[in-house]
Amino acid sequence: MAGEKVVDVKLPSIGESVVEASIKQWFVKQGDVVKADQIVVAVSSEKTDVDLPASVSGRVVELLAAEGDTLQIGAVMARIDTSVAADAAASATPPSPLPSAPATATGAPVGLAANGAAPAATAAAATAAPSYAPEGATAPGAGAGAAPLASPSIRQLAREHDVDLKGVVGTGDHGRITSADVLGTRQAPAAAAPA
């Protein structure tokens, strides 16, 4: 393709002393057009689960890791052709506001730069005033009806145990729902049932 510029999407550092992570779920497939900061993959390590955004806009030309694969930090996960970004943006409908940077469970920003490092401007902005919360998460003190604050692994655990997270009170940092909260809720109805 003339004018093709392909960017390697590498697994960034997702935590102190984390050396590898597994692909939990791809939210895109080969051929999809993505925008910068769009969540494209969920990864999991021993310490954290993180949804990672694309660092560039373009067309996904190759997914180099399958769901379940374990990769070293810095390994190439996918390739994005940025030459199609301008064409796709011109024909796309106006998007809803996109997040500027995701946050890990500890609040540390995570970018998905082509070199595997967090972009400095994005990291500084996210640290100063986080503008993004993982899908379904709410800020502390969010109003009634807001989605519960839970990591992807906690959401999966809740699905596996048929627990509605809207009825769970989080005991973690800033009201975050923990696995103990989910499992405790699952056991509470049986214990509360009349004899």
Protein backbone atom coordinates (compact mmCIF):
# COMPACT_ATOMS: atom_id res chain seq x y z
CA MET A 1 0.00 0.00 0.00
CA ALA A 2 1.35 3.38 -0.96
CA GLY A 3 1.73 5.72 2.00
CA GLU A 4 1.21 2.94 4.52
CA LYS A 5 2.65 3.67 7.95
CA VAL A 6 2.35 0.70 10.28
CA VAL A 7 2.87 1.22 14.01
CA ASP A 8 3.75 -1.66 16.32
CA VAL A 9 1.47 -1.73 19.37
CA LYS A 10 3.54 -3.02 22.28
CA LEU A 11 2.48 -4.27 25.71
CA PRO A 12 3.36 -1.36 28.02
CA SER A 13 4.56 -1.62 31.59
CA ILE A 14 1.40 -2.09 33.67
CA GLY A 15 2.87 -2.13 37.14
CA GLU A 16 6.00 -2.16 39.21
CA SER A 17 7.87 -5.46 38.84
CA VAL A 18 5.31 -6.82 36.35
CA VAL A 19 7.27 -8.58 33.61
CA GLU A 20 4.48 -10.28 31.67
CA ALA A 21 0.74 -10.19 31.14
CA SER A 22 -1.89 -12.31 29.42
CA ILE A 23 -4.32 -11.16 26.76
CA LYS A 24 -7.77 -11.49 28.36
CA GLN A 25 -9.89 -10.09 25.55
CA TRP A 26 -9.49 -8.23 22.28
CA PHE A 27 -12.15 -5.57 21.73
CA VAL A 28 -11.11 -5.19 18.07
CA LYS A 29 -10.35 -7.55 15.22
CA GLN A 30 -8.13 -7.39 12.17
CA GLY A 31 -9.50 -4.80 9.73
CA ASP A 32 -11.25 -2.67 12.37
CA VAL A 33 -10.67 1.07 12.31
CA VAL A 34 -9.71 2.43 15.73
CA LYS A 35 -9.24 5.89 17.16
CA ALA A 36 -6.44 6.98 19.47
CA ASP A 37 -7.43 6.30 23.10
CA GLN A 38 -10.07 3.72 22.09
CA ILE A 39 -9.89 0.65 24.36
CA VAL A 40 -8.60 -2.21 22.20
CA VAL A 41 -7.49 -4.97 24.58
CA ALA A 42 -7.83 -6.18 28.17
CA VAL A 43 -4.71 -7.68 29.73
CA SER A 44 -4.18 -9.42 33.04
CA SER A 45 -1.10 -9.91 35.19
CA GLU A 46 -0.60 -11.38 38.66
CA LYS A 47 -1.08 -7.90 40.09
CA THR A 48 -3.70 -6.16 37.95
CA ASP A 49 -6.18 -6.25 35.11
CA VAL A 50 -5.99 -3.33 32.70
CA ASP A 51 -7.93 -2.19 29.63
CA LEU A 52 -5.43 -0.67 27.20
CA PRO A 53 -6.19 1.99 24.57
CA ALA A 54 -4.68 2.43 21.12
CA SER A 55 -2.01 5.13 21.01
CA VAL A 56 -2.79 5.99 17.39
CA SER A 57 -5.76 6.08 15.05
CA GLY A 58 -5.84 3.74 12.08
CA ARG A 59 -6.79 0.29 10.83
CA VAL A 60 -5.79 -2.84 12.75
CA VAL A 61 -3.74 -4.79 10.21
CA GLU A 62 -2.58 -7.61 12.46
CA LEU A 63 -3.23 -9.07 15.91
CA LEU A 64 -0.04 -10.89 16.91
CA ALA A 65 -1.31 -12.40 20.17
CA ALA A 66 -4.42 -14.47 20.76
CA GLU A 67 -6.65 -14.31 23.81
CA GLY A 68 -4.96 -16.35 26.53
CA ASP A 69 -1.43 -15.73 25.23
CA THR A 70 1.13 -14.50 27.77
CA LEU A 71 3.50 -11.78 26.56
CA GLN A 72 6.56 -10.09 27.99
CA ILE A 73 6.33 -6.34 28.64
CA GLY A 74 7.42 -4.60 25.43
CA ALA A 75 6.28 -7.44 23.13
CA VAL A 76 4.40 -6.42 19.99
CA MET A 77 0.69 -7.28 20.39
CA ALA A 78 -0.73 -5.77 17.22
CA ARG A 79 0.01 -3.52 14.27
CA ILE A 80 -2.03 -0.46 13.22
CA ASP A 81 -1.85 1.21 9.79
CA THR A 82 -2.07 4.94 10.54
CA SER A 83 -2.39 5.98 6.89
CA VAL A 84 -6.10 5.11 6.94
CA ALA A 85 -6.79 7.23 10.03
CA ALA A 86 -7.45 10.45 8.09
CA ASP A 87 -9.78 8.72 5.61
CA ALA A 88 -11.68 6.95 8.39
CA ALA A 89 -11.99 10.12 10.47
CA ALA A 90 -13.38 12.07 7.52
CA SER A 91 -16.15 9.52 6.90
CA ALA A 92 -16.92 8.72 10.54
CA THR A 93 -19.77 10.23 12.51
CA PRO A 94 -18.82 12.51 15.40
CA PRO A 95 -17.65 10.28 18.27
CA SER A 96 -18.73 10.55 21.86
CA PRO A 97 -16.09 12.03 24.19
CA LEU A 98 -13.15 9.65 24.46
CA PRO A 99 -10.98 9.08 27.50
CA SER A 100 -7.56 10.68 27.54
CA ALA A 101 -5.84 7.93 29.51
CA PRO A 102 -7.01 4.88 31.43
CA ALA A 103 -6.15 4.27 35.05
CA THR A 104 -5.05 1.07 36.71
CA ALA A 105 -6.63 -0.13 39.91
CA THR A 106 -4.08 1.96 41.78
CA GLY A 107 -4.84 5.10 39.75
CA ALA A 108 -1.57 5.04 37.85
CA PRO A 109 -2.06 6.08 34.22
CA VAL A 110 -1.40 3.57 31.50
CA GLY A 111 -0.70 4.60 27.91
CA LEU A 112 -0.20 2.35 24.95
CA ALA A 113 2.55 4.15 23.12
CA ALA A 114 4.17 2.53 20.12
CA ASN A 115 7.40 2.08 22.10
CA GLY A 116 5.65 0.50 25.08
CA ALA A 117 6.10 3.52 27.35
CA ALA A 118 3.40 5.81 28.68
CA PRO A 119 3.26 9.10 26.77
CA ALA A 120 4.54 11.80 29.14
CA ALA A 121 1.82 14.37 28.39
CA THR A 122 -0.96 11.82 28.77
CA ALA A 123 0.54 10.43 31.97
CA ALA A 124 0.92 13.89 33.50
CA ALA A 125 -2.64 14.88 32.59
CA ALA A 126 -4.11 11.66 33.95
CA THR A 127 -2.17 12.00 37.20
CA ALA A 128 -3.17 15.63 37.67
CA ALA A 129 -6.89 15.19 36.95
CA PRO A 130 -8.06 11.73 35.92
CA SER A 131 -10.61 12.09 33.14
CA TYR A 132 -11.15 8.40 32.52
CA ALA A 133 -12.48 5.52 34.53
CA PRO A 134 -12.69 1.94 33.28
CA GLU A 135 -15.94 1.04 31.55
CA GLY A 136 -18.71 0.93 34.09
CA ALA A 137 -16.64 2.55 36.85
CA THR A 138 -17.80 5.64 38.68
CA ALA A 139 -16.03 8.35 40.54
CA PRO A 140 -16.32 8.27 44.33
CA GLY A 141 -19.59 9.87 45.36
CA ALA A 142 -21.27 9.28 41.99
CA GLY A 143 -25.05 9.50 42.08
CA ALA A 144 -27.55 6.68 42.39
CA GLY A 145 -27.94 4.57 39.28
CA ALA A 146 -24.27 4.95 38.38
CA ALA A 147 -22.37 1.83 37.36
CA PRO A 148 -20.36 0.12 40.12
CA LEU A 149 -16.61 0.63 40.49
CA ALA A 150 -15.04 -2.75 39.67
CA SER A 151 -12.11 -4.10 37.66
CA PRO A 152 -12.65 -6.35 34.63
CA SER A 153 -11.68 -9.43 36.64
CA ILE A 154 -14.21 -8.56 39.36
CA ARG A 155 -16.91 -8.06 36.71
CA GLN A 156 -16.06 -11.49 35.28
CA LEU A 157 -16.17 -13.06 38.76
CA ALA A 158 -19.58 -11.47 39.35
CA ARG A 159 -20.88 -12.84 36.03
CA GLU A 160 -19.57 -16.32 36.88
CA HIS A 161 -21.41 -16.24 40.23
CA ASP A 162 -24.56 -14.47 38.95
CA VAL A 163 -23.99 -11.46 41.21
CA ASP A 164 -25.47 -8.10 40.20
CA LEU A 165 -22.73 -5.56 41.00
CA LYS A 166 -25.29 -2.76 41.37
CA GLY A 167 -26.32 -4.32 44.68
CA VAL A 168 -22.77 -4.77 46.00
CA VAL A 169 -21.17 -2.25 48.35
CA GLY A 170 -17.45 -1.97 47.63
CA THR A 171 -15.05 -2.16 50.57
CA GLY A 172 -11.90 -1.46 48.55
CA ASP A 173 -10.15 1.86 47.96
CA HIS A 174 -12.63 4.60 47.02
CA GLY A 175 -15.51 2.12 47.19
CA ARG A 176 -14.03 -0.26 44.63
CA ILE A 177 -15.69 -3.68 44.65
CA THR A 178 -13.32 -6.52 45.62
CA SER A 179 -13.56 -10.27 45.07
CA ALA A 180 -14.43 -10.67 48.77
CA ASP A 181 -17.36 -8.26 48.27
CA VAL A 182 -18.65 -10.33 45.33
CA LEU A 183 -18.21 -13.68 47.08
CA GLY A 184 -19.67 -12.30 50.33
CA THR A 185 -22.75 -11.04 48.49
CA ARG A 186 -23.17 -14.43 46.85
CA GLN A 187 -23.19 -16.14 50.26
CA ALA A 188 -25.24 -13.50 52.11
CA PRO A 189 -28.68 -14.34 50.62
CA ALA A 190 -28.37 -18.00 51.67
CA ALA A 191 -27.31 -17.00 55.20
CA ALA A 192 -30.12 -14.41 55.45
CA ALA A 193 -32.84 -16.83 54.29
CA PRO A 194 -35.39 -17.67 56.99
CA ALA A 195 -35.02 -21.12 58.59
